[in-house]
Protein backbone atom coordinates (compact mmCIF):
# COMPACT_ATOMS: atom_id res chain seq x y z
CA MET A 1 13.56 6.64 -36.42
CA ALA A 2 10.00 6.42 -34.86
CA GLU A 3 9.30 8.32 -31.85
CA ARG A 4 8.63 5.96 -28.48
CA GLY A 5 5.42 6.83 -27.15
CA ARG A 6 5.11 8.29 -23.39
CA LYS A 7 2.72 6.16 -21.10
CA THR A 8 1.43 7.04 -17.77
CA VAL A 9 -0.24 4.85 -15.42
CA GLU A 10 -3.12 6.10 -13.15
CA VAL A 11 -2.03 6.26 -9.35
CA LYS A 12 -5.36 4.75 -8.35
CA SER A 13 -4.90 1.78 -10.75
CA LEU A 14 -1.22 1.05 -9.69
CA ILE A 15 -2.37 1.23 -5.76
CA ASN A 16 -5.20 -1.06 -6.16
CA LYS A 17 -2.80 -3.50 -8.13
CA ALA A 18 -0.16 -3.14 -5.61
CA ASN A 19 -2.57 -3.73 -2.65
CA ILE A 20 -3.53 -7.20 -4.34
CA GLN A 21 -0.19 -8.06 -4.37
CA LEU A 22 0.55 -7.14 -0.68
CA ALA A 23 -2.35 -9.13 0.30
CA ARG A 24 -0.77 -12.49 -1.23
CA THR A 25 -0.07 -15.24 0.79
CA ASP A 26 1.53 -17.69 -1.53
CA ALA A 27 5.28 -18.73 -1.39
CA TYR A 28 6.38 -16.16 -3.82
CA ALA A 29 5.10 -13.09 -2.09
CA ASP A 30 7.67 -13.16 0.59
CA THR A 31 9.23 -10.34 2.59
CA LYS A 32 11.69 -9.40 -0.16
CA PHE A 33 8.83 -9.13 -2.83
CA LYS A 34 6.48 -7.14 -0.65
CA SER A 35 9.15 -4.70 0.61
CA GLY A 36 9.77 -4.02 -3.07
CA VAL A 37 6.05 -3.37 -3.68
CA CYS A 38 6.06 -1.13 -0.66
CA ALA A 39 8.92 0.87 -1.90
CA MET A 40 7.63 1.37 -5.40
CA VAL A 41 4.22 2.32 -3.89
CA GLU A 42 5.48 4.81 -1.54
CA THR A 43 7.68 6.68 -4.15
CA VAL A 44 4.82 6.79 -6.43
CA LEU A 45 2.37 8.28 -3.76
CA TYR A 46 5.03 10.68 -2.53
CA ASN A 47 6.15 11.75 -5.75
CA SER A 48 2.48 12.74 -6.71
CA ASN A 49 1.53 14.03 -3.41
CA ASN A 50 -0.99 11.47 -2.93
CA TYR A 51 0.19 9.56 0.24
CA ASP A 52 -2.53 9.12 2.47
CA GLY A 53 -0.97 6.27 4.86
CA PHE A 54 -1.60 2.80 5.10
CA GLY A 55 -3.07 -0.04 7.37
CA PHE A 56 -1.71 -3.50 8.36
CA LEU A 57 -3.96 -6.19 7.16
CA ASP A 58 -3.40 -8.05 10.54
CA ASN A 59 -2.30 -5.54 13.32
CA ASP A 60 -1.40 -8.32 15.63
CA ASN A 61 1.21 -9.44 12.95
CA SER A 62 3.31 -6.19 12.04
CA GLU A 63 6.50 -6.05 13.63
CA VAL A 64 8.84 -4.18 11.87
CA GLY A 65 10.86 -6.27 8.97
CA THR A 66 8.48 -9.06 9.22
CA LEU A 67 5.97 -10.62 6.26
CA GLY A 68 3.31 -9.21 8.28
CA TYR A 69 4.87 -5.63 8.42
CA TYR A 70 4.80 -5.64 4.43
CA SER A 71 1.44 -7.20 4.57
CA ARG A 72 -0.53 -3.80 4.30
CA LYS A 73 -3.06 -1.60 2.48
CA TYR A 74 -2.30 1.68 1.30
CA ASN A 75 -5.14 4.33 1.28
CA LEU A 76 -5.98 6.57 -1.55
CA LYS A 77 -6.74 10.13 -1.15
CA LYS A 78 -10.44 10.97 -1.53
CA HIS A 79 -10.15 12.65 -4.71
CA LEU A 80 -8.97 9.56 -6.15
CA LEU A 81 -11.79 7.20 -4.84
CA LYS A 82 -14.16 8.97 -7.38
């Protein structure tokens, strides 16, 4: 039986792709979708000791639980920006 290969994803690449998803405004990028992306991103960032906060895409539309609350951009620690 062949051994399965183990694959890893770079944190920087994952966060960049997640930020693109969180900036989406189409009908499919609803609150449930974006909250799932946020949960995944935060797990990866905390587990890899790379959490450095986030910013809302629109500070005037950031009430907890709304679509604006989950429309955000996660920051990368400086060592990942290289």
